[in-house]
N, C-alpha and C. Protein backbone atom coordinates (compact mmCIF):
# COMPACT_ATOMS: atom_id res chain seq x y z
N MET A 1 29.45 22.63 3.43
CA MET A 1 28.11 22.14 2.50
C MET A 1 28.49 20.45 1.91
N SER A 2 28.11 19.50 1.87
CA SER A 2 28.67 18.59 1.16
C SER A 2 28.51 18.54 -0.10
N ASN A 3 29.37 17.33 -0.68
CA ASN A 3 29.38 17.65 -2.43
C ASN A 3 27.82 16.68 -2.59
N THR A 4 27.41 17.24 -3.58
CA THR A 4 26.21 16.96 -4.31
C THR A 4 26.39 16.82 -6.04
N SER A 5 25.64 15.85 -6.19
CA SER A 5 25.90 15.34 -7.40
C SER A 5 24.28 15.21 -8.25
N LEU A 6 24.73 15.41 -9.71
CA LEU A 6 23.56 15.42 -10.40
C LEU A 6 22.55 14.47 -10.77
N LEU A 7 21.40 14.58 -10.61
CA LEU A 7 20.38 12.98 -11.10
C LEU A 7 19.66 14.16 -12.20
N GLN A 8 19.65 13.27 -13.17
CA GLN A 8 18.29 13.68 -13.96
C GLN A 8 17.79 12.57 -14.41
N VAL A 9 16.32 12.59 -14.35
CA VAL A 9 15.05 11.56 -14.47
C VAL A 9 14.53 12.21 -15.79
N ARG A 10 14.43 10.94 -16.66
CA ARG A 10 12.77 11.38 -17.71
C ARG A 10 11.66 11.01 -17.43
N THR A 11 10.70 11.92 -17.78
CA THR A 11 9.49 11.23 -17.36
C THR A 11 8.56 12.17 -18.37
N SER A 12 7.41 12.31 -18.51
CA SER A 12 6.35 12.91 -19.37
C SER A 12 6.62 14.57 -18.76
N ALA A 13 6.44 15.36 -19.87
CA ALA A 13 6.51 16.68 -19.41
C ALA A 13 5.06 16.79 -18.71
N GLU A 14 3.92 16.01 -18.96
CA GLU A 14 2.43 16.01 -18.52
C GLU A 14 2.68 16.10 -17.40
N ASP A 15 3.17 14.54 -16.84
CA ASP A 15 3.62 14.08 -15.37
C ASP A 15 4.41 14.93 -14.48
N LYS A 16 5.21 15.66 -15.13
CA LYS A 16 6.03 16.79 -14.07
C LYS A 16 5.45 17.73 -13.92
N GLU A 17 4.51 18.45 -14.65
CA GLU A 17 3.57 19.31 -14.57
C GLU A 17 2.97 19.23 -13.59
N LYS A 18 2.55 17.83 -13.84
CA LYS A 18 0.69 17.97 -12.80
C LYS A 18 1.66 17.84 -11.46
N ALA A 19 2.76 17.20 -11.09
CA ALA A 19 3.43 16.60 -9.47
C ALA A 19 3.84 18.00 -9.18
N SER A 20 4.81 18.72 -10.28
CA SER A 20 5.14 20.07 -9.74
C SER A 20 3.33 21.30 -8.87
N GLU A 21 2.88 20.97 -9.84
CA GLU A 21 1.94 21.59 -9.31
C GLU A 21 1.10 21.28 -7.76
N ILE A 22 1.12 19.92 -7.72
CA ILE A 22 0.40 19.37 -6.15
C ILE A 22 1.88 19.55 -5.15
N LEU A 23 3.23 19.42 -5.54
CA LEU A 23 3.70 19.73 -4.54
C LEU A 23 4.19 20.89 -4.26
N GLU A 24 3.76 22.12 -5.17
CA GLU A 24 4.10 23.50 -5.01
C GLU A 24 2.73 24.20 -3.93
N LYS A 25 1.51 23.19 -3.86
CA LYS A 25 0.43 23.49 -3.21
C LYS A 25 1.01 22.91 -1.93
N LEU A 26 1.67 21.52 -1.63
CA LEU A 26 1.99 21.39 -0.28
C LEU A 26 3.18 21.95 0.08
N GLY A 27 4.04 23.15 -0.56
CA GLY A 27 4.93 23.91 -0.26
C GLY A 27 6.51 23.51 -0.30
N THR A 28 6.62 22.40 -1.09
CA THR A 28 7.91 21.83 -1.43
C THR A 28 8.28 21.67 -2.92
N ASN A 29 8.60 20.92 -3.68
CA ASN A 29 9.31 20.79 -5.05
C ASN A 29 9.78 19.28 -5.44
N LEU A 30 10.20 19.01 -6.54
CA LEU A 30 10.41 18.10 -6.85
C LEU A 30 11.54 17.46 -6.53
N SER A 31 12.63 18.45 -6.76
CA SER A 31 14.13 18.29 -6.60
C SER A 31 14.29 17.91 -4.43
N ALA A 32 13.30 18.40 -3.69
CA ALA A 32 13.09 18.15 -2.32
C ALA A 32 12.36 16.89 -2.62
N VAL A 33 11.73 16.47 -2.71
CA VAL A 33 10.84 15.20 -2.83
C VAL A 33 11.80 14.36 -3.30
N VAL A 34 12.64 14.10 -4.42
CA VAL A 34 13.16 13.17 -4.71
C VAL A 34 14.89 12.83 -3.96
N ASN A 35 15.09 14.30 -3.12
CA ASN A 35 15.57 13.88 -2.03
C ASN A 35 15.56 13.20 -1.00
N MET A 36 14.03 13.48 -0.52
CA MET A 36 13.87 12.71 0.76
C MET A 36 13.39 11.32 0.60
N MET A 37 13.11 10.62 -0.73
CA MET A 37 12.60 9.85 -1.16
C MET A 37 14.51 8.70 -1.30
N ILE A 38 15.41 9.83 -2.04
CA ILE A 38 16.46 8.59 -1.58
C ILE A 38 16.88 8.72 -0.25
N LYS A 39 16.76 9.55 0.60
CA LYS A 39 17.18 9.70 2.14
C LYS A 39 16.31 8.25 2.56
N GLN A 40 15.16 8.31 2.28
CA GLN A 40 14.22 7.06 2.57
C GLN A 40 14.60 5.77 2.24
N ILE A 41 15.31 5.63 1.01
CA ILE A 41 15.55 4.15 0.61
C ILE A 41 16.81 4.05 1.27
N ILE A 42 17.54 5.00 1.74
CA ILE A 42 18.84 4.75 2.30
C ILE A 42 18.37 4.11 3.95
N LEU A 43 17.36 4.86 4.41
CA LEU A 43 17.26 4.65 6.02
C LEU A 43 16.16 3.15 5.93
N THR A 44 15.80 2.68 5.48
CA THR A 44 14.62 1.59 4.66
C THR A 44 15.15 0.10 4.25
N GLU A 45 16.60 1.15 3.22
CA GLU A 45 17.18 -0.39 2.82
C GLU A 45 16.13 -0.81 1.74
N GLY A 46 15.01 0.14 1.42
CA GLY A 46 14.41 -0.49 0.18
C GLY A 46 13.37 0.77 -0.53
N ILE A 47 12.67 0.56 -1.31
CA ILE A 47 11.77 1.11 -1.65
C ILE A 47 10.88 2.03 -0.70
N PRO A 48 10.34 3.51 -0.82
CA PRO A 48 10.07 3.83 0.61
C PRO A 48 7.97 3.99 0.46
N PHE A 49 7.73 2.84 -0.59
CA PHE A 49 6.40 2.66 -0.84
C PHE A 49 5.89 1.39 -1.20
N GLU A 50 5.18 0.60 -1.45
CA GLU A 50 4.50 -0.56 -1.39
C GLU A 50 4.74 -1.04 -3.29
N VAL A 51 5.56 -1.71 -4.19
CA VAL A 51 5.41 -1.84 -5.33
C VAL A 51 4.72 -3.52 -5.50
N LYS A 52 4.01 -3.30 -6.17
CA LYS A 52 3.18 -4.82 -6.58
C LYS A 52 2.99 -5.20 -7.75
N ILE A 53 2.70 -6.23 -8.15
CA ILE A 53 1.86 -6.87 -9.46
C ILE A 53 0.14 -6.81 -9.20
N ASN A 54 -0.13 -6.12 -9.90
CA ASN A 54 -1.85 -6.25 -9.81
C ASN A 54 -2.47 -7.83 -10.22
N HIS A 55 -2.94 -8.83 -9.29
CA HIS A 55 -3.41 -9.48 -9.71
C HIS A 55 -4.90 -9.52 -10.23
N PRO A 56 -5.08 -10.75 -10.55
CA PRO A 56 -6.94 -10.39 -11.35
C PRO A 56 -7.69 -10.60 -10.08
N ALA A 57 -8.62 -9.57 -9.97
CA ALA A 57 -9.35 -9.32 -9.03
C ALA A 57 -10.82 -10.16 -8.72
N TYR A 58 -10.16 -10.86 -7.54
CA TYR A 58 -11.48 -12.02 -7.43
C TYR A 58 -12.90 -11.61 -7.09
N THR A 59 -13.88 -11.66 -7.18
CA THR A 59 -15.41 -11.75 -6.53
C THR A 59 -15.34 -11.45 -4.97
N LYS A 60 -16.39 -10.81 -4.79
CA LYS A 60 -16.64 -11.18 -3.41
C LYS A 60 -16.84 -12.32 -2.80
N THR A 61 -18.01 -12.81 -3.85
CA THR A 61 -18.04 -14.09 -3.55
C THR A 61 -17.04 -15.03 -3.64
N GLU A 62 -15.99 -15.29 -4.23
CA GLU A 62 -14.53 -16.21 -4.39
C GLU A 62 -13.72 -16.03 -3.11
N VAL A 63 -13.97 -14.68 -2.61
CA VAL A 63 -12.93 -14.37 -1.57
C VAL A 63 -13.87 -15.12 -0.25
N VAL A 64 -15.00 -14.84 -0.02
CA VAL A 64 -15.91 -15.13 1.07
C VAL A 64 -15.63 -16.65 0.96
N LYS A 65 -16.04 -17.45 -0.09
CA LYS A 65 -15.71 -18.86 -0.29
C LYS A 65 -14.56 -19.72 -0.18
N GLU A 66 -13.04 -18.91 -0.66
CA GLU A 66 -11.78 -18.88 -0.28
C GLU A 66 -11.53 -19.29 1.32
N VAL A 67 -12.14 -17.99 2.19
CA VAL A 67 -11.76 -17.71 3.28
C VAL A 67 -12.43 -18.89 4.50
N GLU A 68 -13.54 -18.87 3.66
CA GLU A 68 -14.68 -19.86 4.27
C GLU A 68 -13.83 -21.45 4.60
N ALA A 69 -13.76 -21.54 3.37
CA ALA A 69 -12.85 -23.17 3.05
C ALA A 69 -11.47 -23.06 4.08
N THR A 70 -10.53 -22.06 3.75
CA THR A 70 -9.42 -22.00 4.79
C THR A 70 -10.06 -21.62 6.07
N MET A 71 -10.53 -21.43 6.63
CA MET A 71 -11.30 -21.40 8.12
C MET A 71 -12.07 -22.62 8.31
N ALA A 72 -12.58 -23.16 7.41
CA ALA A 72 -12.97 -24.80 7.63
C ALA A 72 -11.75 -25.61 7.94
N PHE A 73 -10.67 -25.80 7.08
CA PHE A 73 -10.02 -26.56 7.02
C PHE A 73 -9.15 -26.31 8.42
N GLU A 74 -8.99 -25.32 9.01
CA GLU A 74 -8.40 -25.37 10.02
C GLU A 74 -9.24 -25.29 11.50
N GLY A 75 -10.55 -25.54 10.98
CA GLY A 75 -11.59 -25.76 12.31
C GLY A 75 -11.97 -24.41 13.13
N MET A 76 -11.66 -23.61 12.29
CA MET A 76 -12.39 -21.91 12.46
C MET A 76 -13.69 -21.56 12.07
N GLU A 77 -14.33 -20.60 12.88
CA GLU A 77 -15.45 -20.45 11.90
C GLU A 77 -15.37 -18.66 11.74
N LEU A 78 -15.72 -18.29 10.47
CA LEU A 78 -16.05 -17.06 10.03
C LEU A 78 -17.41 -16.43 11.18
N THR A 79 -16.91 -15.29 11.43
CA THR A 79 -17.97 -14.47 12.79
C THR A 79 -18.67 -13.56 11.28
N GLU A 80 -19.61 -13.09 11.72
CA GLU A 80 -20.40 -12.30 11.00
C GLU A 80 -19.42 -10.71 10.98
N GLU A 81 -18.70 -10.43 12.43
CA GLU A 81 -17.86 -9.46 11.95
C GLU A 81 -16.40 -9.83 11.23
N ASP A 82 -16.12 -10.92 11.14
CA ASP A 82 -15.19 -11.49 10.45
C ASP A 82 -15.57 -11.00 8.91
N MET A 83 -16.76 -11.55 8.38
CA MET A 83 -17.17 -11.56 7.04
C MET A 83 -17.10 -9.79 7.14
N GLN A 84 -17.84 -9.21 8.18
CA GLN A 84 -17.92 -7.55 7.64
C GLN A 84 -16.36 -6.74 6.99
N LEU A 85 -15.57 -7.39 8.34
CA LEU A 85 -14.35 -6.84 7.74
C LEU A 85 -13.38 -7.07 6.48
N LEU A 86 -14.00 -8.69 6.13
CA LEU A 86 -13.22 -8.81 4.83
C LEU A 86 -13.84 -8.00 3.67
N TYR A 87 -15.33 -7.75 3.68
CA TYR A 87 -15.91 -6.82 2.59
C TYR A 87 -15.24 -5.51 2.49
N ALA A 88 -15.17 -5.15 3.84
CA ALA A 88 -14.40 -3.90 4.09
C ALA A 88 -13.03 -3.87 3.19
N TYR A 89 -12.37 -4.87 3.30
CA TYR A 89 -10.78 -4.94 2.88
C TYR A 89 -11.00 -5.02 1.28
N LYS A 90 -12.06 -5.81 0.78
CA LYS A 90 -12.40 -5.77 -0.52
C LYS A 90 -12.47 -4.83 -0.99
N ASN A 91 -12.93 -4.08 -0.53
CA ASN A 91 -13.93 -2.68 -0.83
C ASN A 91 -13.19 -1.44 -0.59
N GLY A 92 -11.95 -1.97 -0.08
CA GLY A 92 -11.12 -1.03 -0.26
C GLY A 92 -11.40 0.02 1.27
N GLU A 93 -11.99 -0.33 2.14
CA GLU A 93 -12.43 0.14 3.31
C GLU A 93 -11.66 0.01 4.16
N ALA A 94 -10.95 -0.71 4.28
CA ALA A 94 -9.75 -1.65 5.36
C ALA A 94 -8.70 -2.25 4.51
N SER A 95 -7.29 -1.95 5.22
CA SER A 95 -6.01 -2.02 4.88
C SER A 95 -5.95 -3.87 4.75
N GLY A 96 -5.36 -4.48 4.58
CA GLY A 96 -4.29 -5.28 4.68
C GLY A 96 -3.33 -5.55 5.95
N ASP A 97 -3.24 -4.33 6.58
CA ASP A 97 -2.33 -4.47 7.64
C ASP A 97 -3.70 -4.38 8.88
N GLU A 98 -4.81 -3.75 8.53
CA GLU A 98 -5.88 -3.66 9.74
C GLU A 98 -6.45 -5.11 9.99
N LEU A 99 -6.52 -6.14 8.64
CA LEU A 99 -6.96 -7.51 8.74
C LEU A 99 -5.68 -8.21 9.37
N ARG A 100 -4.14 -7.95 8.99
CA ARG A 100 -3.28 -8.69 9.94
C ARG A 100 -3.31 -8.33 11.47
N LYS A 101 -3.54 -7.30 12.05
CA LYS A 101 -3.96 -6.69 13.30
C LYS A 101 -4.82 -7.90 13.99
N ARG A 102 -6.04 -7.32 13.51
CA ARG A 102 -6.86 -8.19 13.98
C ARG A 102 -6.40 -9.59 14.17
N ILE A 103 -6.19 -10.51 13.19
CA ILE A 103 -5.98 -11.71 13.33
C ILE A 103 -4.78 -12.01 14.32
N ILE A 104 -3.55 -11.00 14.20
CA ILE A 104 -2.73 -11.34 15.25
C ILE A 104 -3.53 -11.30 16.96
N GLY A 105 -4.74 -9.79 16.89
CA GLY A 105 -5.08 -9.98 18.21
C GLY A 105 -5.37 -10.82 18.09
N GLU A 106 -6.69 -12.08 17.93
CA GLU A 106 -7.00 -12.98 17.94
C GLU A 106 -6.42 -13.80 18.49
N ALA A 107 -4.99 -14.03 17.77
CA ALA A 107 -4.46 -15.58 18.00
C ALA A 107 -3.10 -15.25 19.20
N GLY A 108 -3.46 -14.01 19.73
CA GLY A 108 -2.42 -14.23 20.45
C GLY A 108 -3.34 -13.74 21.88
């Protein structure tokens, strides 16, 4: 067996309890998940989940106007399908990755 090291983490008792209950339902525990996360940090050489600063939300109208202006500047037309995808992204029904794949697919 390899050498092990003790890792102590401070968190609220409430958060620990809630997380432990969820993980128990999933058939695992906090220690196992922390070890999984450490392995993922090593494998990916980064944080294994998205960390971002929340920017002020734009209204749908502002987002659409910005995209329309950018598309017009590039000499491209925004189709009804593009508009639907844009609204789906804004409403959390489509991911940024889905939008990028669509854009790359159209450009490629």
